[in-house]
């Protein structure tokens, strides 16, 4: 499966492509990379995102998951840059409960691009399974805030 790794402010990440779509993004560096036009686009968009110059990813995505999980991940993609939604908000869109939304969030195979970091619990941040956990989630949310805004 073609993949490319890149250095980011939140650690190394590797993006995977299958059949012309992005299927996964994992933390860490993978050797023996295979560059494709799509992976080059993904790298450019991720670099622009971390530079604060990109608010919306424009990549074909094909996350593998149950129909319910895919519905949750589709709902996550509707959360605008710089905004958050609660697990309850996403459950209203995708169905299920806040708990099932949290479980689907934790199984998101394409974090950052499918912005699971934008989902928070009522009254607190909730969890985050990527990078270093909550410090990574806080960093991503801060990146998306206007200069001087408080979280």
C-alpha atoms as a PDB file:
ATOM      1  CA  UNK A   1       0.000   0.000   0.000  1.00  0.00           C
ATOM      2  CA  UNK A   2       1.583   3.339  -0.975  1.00  0.00           C
ATOM      3  CA  UNK A   3       2.348   5.589   1.954  1.00  0.00           C
ATOM      4  CA  UNK A   4       4.319   8.691   2.795  1.00  0.00           C
ATOM      5  CA  UNK A   5       5.596   9.959   6.142  1.00  0.00           C
ATOM      6  CA  UNK A   6       6.096  13.567   7.127  1.00  0.00           C
ATOM      7  CA  UNK A   7       7.303  15.575  10.084  1.00  0.00           C
ATOM      8  CA  UNK A   8       4.635  17.752  11.717  1.00  0.00           C
ATOM      9  CA  UNK A   9       4.536  19.964  14.802  1.00  0.00           C
ATOM     10  CA  UNK A  10       2.656  17.180  16.613  1.00  0.00           C
ATOM     11  CA  UNK A  11       5.062  14.419  15.616  1.00  0.00           C
ATOM     12  CA  UNK A  12       5.680  12.267  12.594  1.00  0.00           C
ATOM     13  CA  UNK A  13       2.635  11.005  10.716  1.00  0.00           C
ATOM     14  CA  UNK A  14       2.216   8.555   7.866  1.00  0.00           C
ATOM     15  CA  UNK A  15      -0.567   8.768   5.283  1.00  0.00           C
ATOM     16  CA  UNK A  16      -1.714   5.660   3.407  1.00  0.00           C
ATOM     17  CA  UNK A  17      -3.407   5.421   0.008  1.00  0.00           C
ATOM     18  CA  UNK A  18      -5.395   2.565  -1.524  1.00  0.00           C
ATOM     19  CA  UNK A  19      -7.216   2.564  -4.876  1.00  0.00           C
ATOM     20  CA  UNK A  20      -6.868   6.321  -5.341  1.00  0.00           C
ATOM     21  CA  UNK A  21      -8.106   7.388  -1.906  1.00  0.00           C
ATOM     22  CA  UNK A  22      -6.618   8.150   1.494  1.00  0.00           C
ATOM     23  CA  UNK A  23      -7.475   5.256   3.823  1.00  0.00           C
ATOM     24  CA  UNK A  24      -5.405   5.931   6.947  1.00  0.00           C
ATOM     25  CA  UNK A  25      -3.220   8.400   8.815  1.00  0.00           C
ATOM     26  CA  UNK A  26      -1.122   7.016  11.649  1.00  0.00           C
ATOM     27  CA  UNK A  27       1.324   8.593  14.053  1.00  0.00           C
ATOM     28  CA  UNK A  28       4.904   7.546  13.444  1.00  0.00           C
ATOM     29  CA  UNK A  29       7.404   7.222  10.626  1.00  0.00           C
ATOM     30  CA  UNK A  30       7.338   4.323   8.167  1.00  0.00           C
ATOM     31  CA  UNK A  31      10.337   3.371   6.032  1.00  0.00           C
ATOM     32  CA  UNK A  32      10.202   2.323   2.373  1.00  0.00           C
ATOM     33  CA  UNK A  33       7.801   5.029   1.285  1.00  0.00           C
ATOM     34  CA  UNK A  34       6.085   5.066  -2.092  1.00  0.00           C
ATOM     35  CA  UNK A  35       5.225   8.522  -3.384  1.00  0.00           C
ATOM     36  CA  UNK A  36       2.099   9.005  -5.544  1.00  0.00           C
ATOM     37  CA  UNK A  37       0.394  12.137  -6.868  1.00  0.00           C
ATOM     38  CA  UNK A  38      -2.353  11.752  -4.249  1.00  0.00           C
ATOM     39  CA  UNK A  39       0.111  11.286  -1.394  1.00  0.00           C
ATOM     40  CA  UNK A  40       2.021  14.348  -2.618  1.00  0.00           C
ATOM     41  CA  UNK A  41      -1.262  16.319  -2.501  1.00  0.00           C
ATOM     42  CA  UNK A  42      -1.941  14.984   1.006  1.00  0.00           C
ATOM     43  CA  UNK A  43       1.535  16.040   2.157  1.00  0.00           C
ATOM     44  CA  UNK A  44       1.082  19.526   0.664  1.00  0.00           C
ATOM     45  CA  UNK A  45      -2.334  19.932   2.284  1.00  0.00           C
ATOM     46  CA  UNK A  46      -1.137  18.726   5.679  1.00  0.00           C
ATOM     47  CA  UNK A  47       1.855  21.100   5.515  1.00  0.00           C
ATOM     48  CA  UNK A  48      -0.501  23.969   4.620  1.00  0.00           C
ATOM     49  CA  UNK A  49      -2.865  22.994   7.463  1.00  0.00           C
ATOM     50  CA  UNK A  50      -0.047  23.075  10.012  1.00  0.00           C
ATOM     51  CA  UNK A  51       1.134  26.407   8.571  1.00  0.00           C
ATOM     52  CA  UNK A  52      -2.367  27.819   9.196  1.00  0.00           C
ATOM     53  CA  UNK A  53      -2.965  28.280   5.453  1.00  0.00           C
ATOM     54  CA  UNK A  54      -5.505  25.468   4.867  1.00  0.00           C
ATOM     55  CA  UNK A  55      -8.896  25.184   6.511  1.00  0.00           C
ATOM     56  CA  UNK A  56     -10.518  22.438   4.446  1.00  0.00           C
ATOM     57  CA  UNK A  57      -8.878  19.295   3.103  1.00  0.00           C
ATOM     58  CA  UNK A  58      -9.709  18.369  -0.475  1.00  0.00           C
ATOM     59  CA  UNK A  59      -8.698  14.725  -0.744  1.00  0.00           C
ATOM     60  CA  UNK A  60     -10.601  11.580  -1.707  1.00  0.00           C
ATOM     61  CA  UNK A  61     -11.165   9.577   1.472  1.00  0.00           C
ATOM     62  CA  UNK A  62     -12.141   5.925   1.868  1.00  0.00           C
ATOM     63  CA  UNK A  63     -12.043   5.087   5.581  1.00  0.00           C
ATOM     64  CA  UNK A  64     -12.826   1.455   6.285  1.00  0.00           C
ATOM     65  CA  UNK A  65     -15.470   0.975   8.944  1.00  0.00           C
ATOM     66  CA  UNK A  66     -19.015  -0.038   9.707  1.00  0.00           C
ATOM     67  CA  UNK A  67     -21.839   1.980   8.157  1.00  0.00           C
ATOM     68  CA  UNK A  68     -22.426   3.647  11.545  1.00  0.00           C
ATOM     69  CA  UNK A  69     -18.784   4.633  11.967  1.00  0.00           C
ATOM     70  CA  UNK A  70     -18.702   6.019   8.431  1.00  0.00           C
ATOM     71  CA  UNK A  71     -21.820   8.078   9.238  1.00  0.00           C
ATOM     72  CA  UNK A  72     -20.051   9.511  12.293  1.00  0.00           C
ATOM     73  CA  UNK A  73     -16.894  10.245  10.281  1.00  0.00           C
ATOM     74  CA  UNK A  74     -19.001  11.939   7.582  1.00  0.00           C
ATOM     75  CA  UNK A  75     -20.582  14.102  10.283  1.00  0.00           C
ATOM     76  CA  UNK A  76     -17.137  15.037  11.613  1.00  0.00           C
ATOM     77  CA  UNK A  77     -16.183  16.325   8.167  1.00  0.00           C
ATOM     78  CA  UNK A  78     -18.992  18.887   8.401  1.00  0.00           C
ATOM     79  CA  UNK A  79     -17.505  20.574  11.490  1.00  0.00           C
ATOM     80  CA  UNK A  80     -16.026  23.861  10.279  1.00  0.00           C
ATOM     81  CA  UNK A  81     -12.382  24.740  10.917  1.00  0.00           C
ATOM     82  CA  UNK A  82     -12.008  26.516  14.251  1.00  0.00           C
ATOM     83  CA  UNK A  83     -15.287  25.178  15.665  1.00  0.00           C
ATOM     84  CA  UNK A  84     -16.172  22.261  17.885  1.00  0.00           C
ATOM     85  CA  UNK A  85     -19.214  20.064  18.328  1.00  0.00           C
ATOM     86  CA  UNK A  86     -20.165  17.864  21.247  1.00  0.00           C
ATOM     87  CA  UNK A  87     -20.582  14.120  21.130  1.00  0.00           C
ATOM     88  CA  UNK A  88     -24.315  14.799  21.565  1.00  0.00           C
ATOM     89  CA  UNK A  89     -24.326  17.091  18.503  1.00  0.00           C
ATOM     90  CA  UNK A  90     -22.722  14.386  16.370  1.00  0.00           C
ATOM     91  CA  UNK A  91     -25.128  11.743  17.729  1.00  0.00           C
ATOM     92  CA  UNK A  92     -28.036  13.927  16.592  1.00  0.00           C
ATOM     93  CA  UNK A  93     -26.617  13.886  13.052  1.00  0.00           C
ATOM     94  CA  UNK A  94     -25.283  10.320  12.781  1.00  0.00           C
ATOM     95  CA  UNK A  95     -27.568   8.559  15.244  1.00  0.00           C
ATOM     96  CA  UNK A  96     -26.523   6.511  18.216  1.00  0.00           C
ATOM     97  CA  UNK A  97     -25.462   7.894  21.557  1.00  0.00           C
ATOM     98  CA  UNK A  98     -22.661  10.172  22.723  1.00  0.00           C
ATOM     99  CA  UNK A  99     -20.825   7.041  23.867  1.00  0.00           C
ATOM    100  CA  UNK A 100     -21.111   5.354  20.463  1.00  0.00           C
ATOM    101  CA  UNK A 101     -19.937   8.577  18.796  1.00  0.00           C
ATOM    102  CA  UNK A 102     -16.927   8.581  21.135  1.00  0.00           C
ATOM    103  CA  UNK A 103     -16.158   4.991  20.210  1.00  0.00           C
ATOM    104  CA  UNK A 104     -16.408   5.780  16.491  1.00  0.00           C
ATOM    105  CA  UNK A 105     -14.210   8.849  17.032  1.00  0.00           C
ATOM    106  CA  UNK A 106     -11.581   6.670  18.685  1.00  0.00           C
ATOM    107  CA  UNK A 107     -11.621   4.346  15.642  1.00  0.00           C
ATOM    108  CA  UNK A 108     -11.239   7.171  13.097  1.00  0.00           C
ATOM    109  CA  UNK A 109      -8.597   5.831  10.692  1.00  0.00           C
ATOM    110  CA  UNK A 110      -7.833   9.264   9.168  1.00  0.00           C
ATOM    111  CA  UNK A 111      -7.428  11.708  12.088  1.00  0.00           C
ATOM    112  CA  UNK A 112      -6.564  15.337  11.305  1.00  0.00           C
ATOM    113  CA  UNK A 113      -8.130  15.056   7.840  1.00  0.00           C
ATOM    114  CA  UNK A 114     -11.351  13.682   9.365  1.00  0.00           C
ATOM    115  CA  UNK A 115     -11.292  16.167  12.261  1.00  0.00           C
ATOM    116  CA  UNK A 116     -12.171  14.051  15.299  1.00  0.00           C
ATOM    117  CA  UNK A 117     -10.186  16.540  17.414  1.00  0.00           C
ATOM    118  CA  UNK A 118     -13.085  18.997  16.940  1.00  0.00           C
ATOM    119  CA  UNK A 119     -15.448  16.833  19.003  1.00  0.00           C
ATOM    120  CA  UNK A 120     -15.611  17.656  22.705  1.00  0.00           C
ATOM    121  CA  UNK A 121     -17.577  16.419  25.671  1.00  0.00           C
ATOM    122  CA  UNK A 122     -20.135  18.642  27.330  1.00  0.00           C
ATOM    123  CA  UNK A 123     -18.173  20.794  29.772  1.00  0.00           C
ATOM    124  CA  UNK A 124     -14.691  19.423  28.977  1.00  0.00           C
ATOM    125  CA  UNK A 125     -12.476  18.322  26.093  1.00  0.00           C
ATOM    126  CA  UNK A 126     -13.219  14.612  26.246  1.00  0.00           C
ATOM    127  CA  UNK A 127     -10.512  12.269  24.995  1.00  0.00           C
ATOM    128  CA  UNK A 128      -8.192  11.964  22.048  1.00  0.00           C
ATOM    129  CA  UNK A 129      -6.440   8.828  20.859  1.00  0.00           C
ATOM    130  CA  UNK A 130      -3.956  10.439  18.466  1.00  0.00           C
ATOM    131  CA  UNK A 131      -0.431  11.622  19.107  1.00  0.00           C
ATOM    132  CA  UNK A 132       0.100  12.306  22.798  1.00  0.00           C
ATOM    133  CA  UNK A 133      -3.619  12.309  23.603  1.00  0.00           C
ATOM    134  CA  UNK A 134      -5.137  15.434  25.140  1.00  0.00           C
ATOM    135  CA  UNK A 135      -2.033  17.633  24.672  1.00  0.00           C
ATOM    136  CA  UNK A 136      -2.256  16.897  20.933  1.00  0.00           C
ATOM    137  CA  UNK A 137      -5.990  17.676  20.882  1.00  0.00           C
ATOM    138  CA  UNK A 138      -5.387  20.968  22.726  1.00  0.00           C
ATOM    139  CA  UNK A 139      -2.615  21.874  20.273  1.00  0.00           C
ATOM    140  CA  UNK A 140      -4.816  21.174  17.231  1.00  0.00           C
ATOM    141  CA  UNK A 141      -7.735  23.158  18.644  1.00  0.00           C
ATOM    142  CA  UNK A 142      -5.404  26.067  19.463  1.00  0.00           C
ATOM    143  CA  UNK A 143      -3.963  25.965  15.923  1.00  0.00           C
ATOM    144  CA  UNK A 144      -7.471  26.501  14.550  1.00  0.00           C
ATOM    145  CA  UNK A 145      -8.316  29.445  16.799  1.00  0.00           C
ATOM    146  CA  UNK A 146      -8.003  33.050  15.684  1.00  0.00           C
ATOM    147  CA  UNK A 147      -4.919  34.785  17.061  1.00  0.00           C
ATOM    148  CA  UNK A 148      -5.481  35.624  20.724  1.00  0.00           C
ATOM    149  CA  UNK A 149      -8.656  33.550  21.154  1.00  0.00           C
ATOM    150  CA  UNK A 150      -9.016  31.516  24.317  1.00  0.00           C
ATOM    151  CA  UNK A 151     -10.108  27.878  24.293  1.00  0.00           C
END
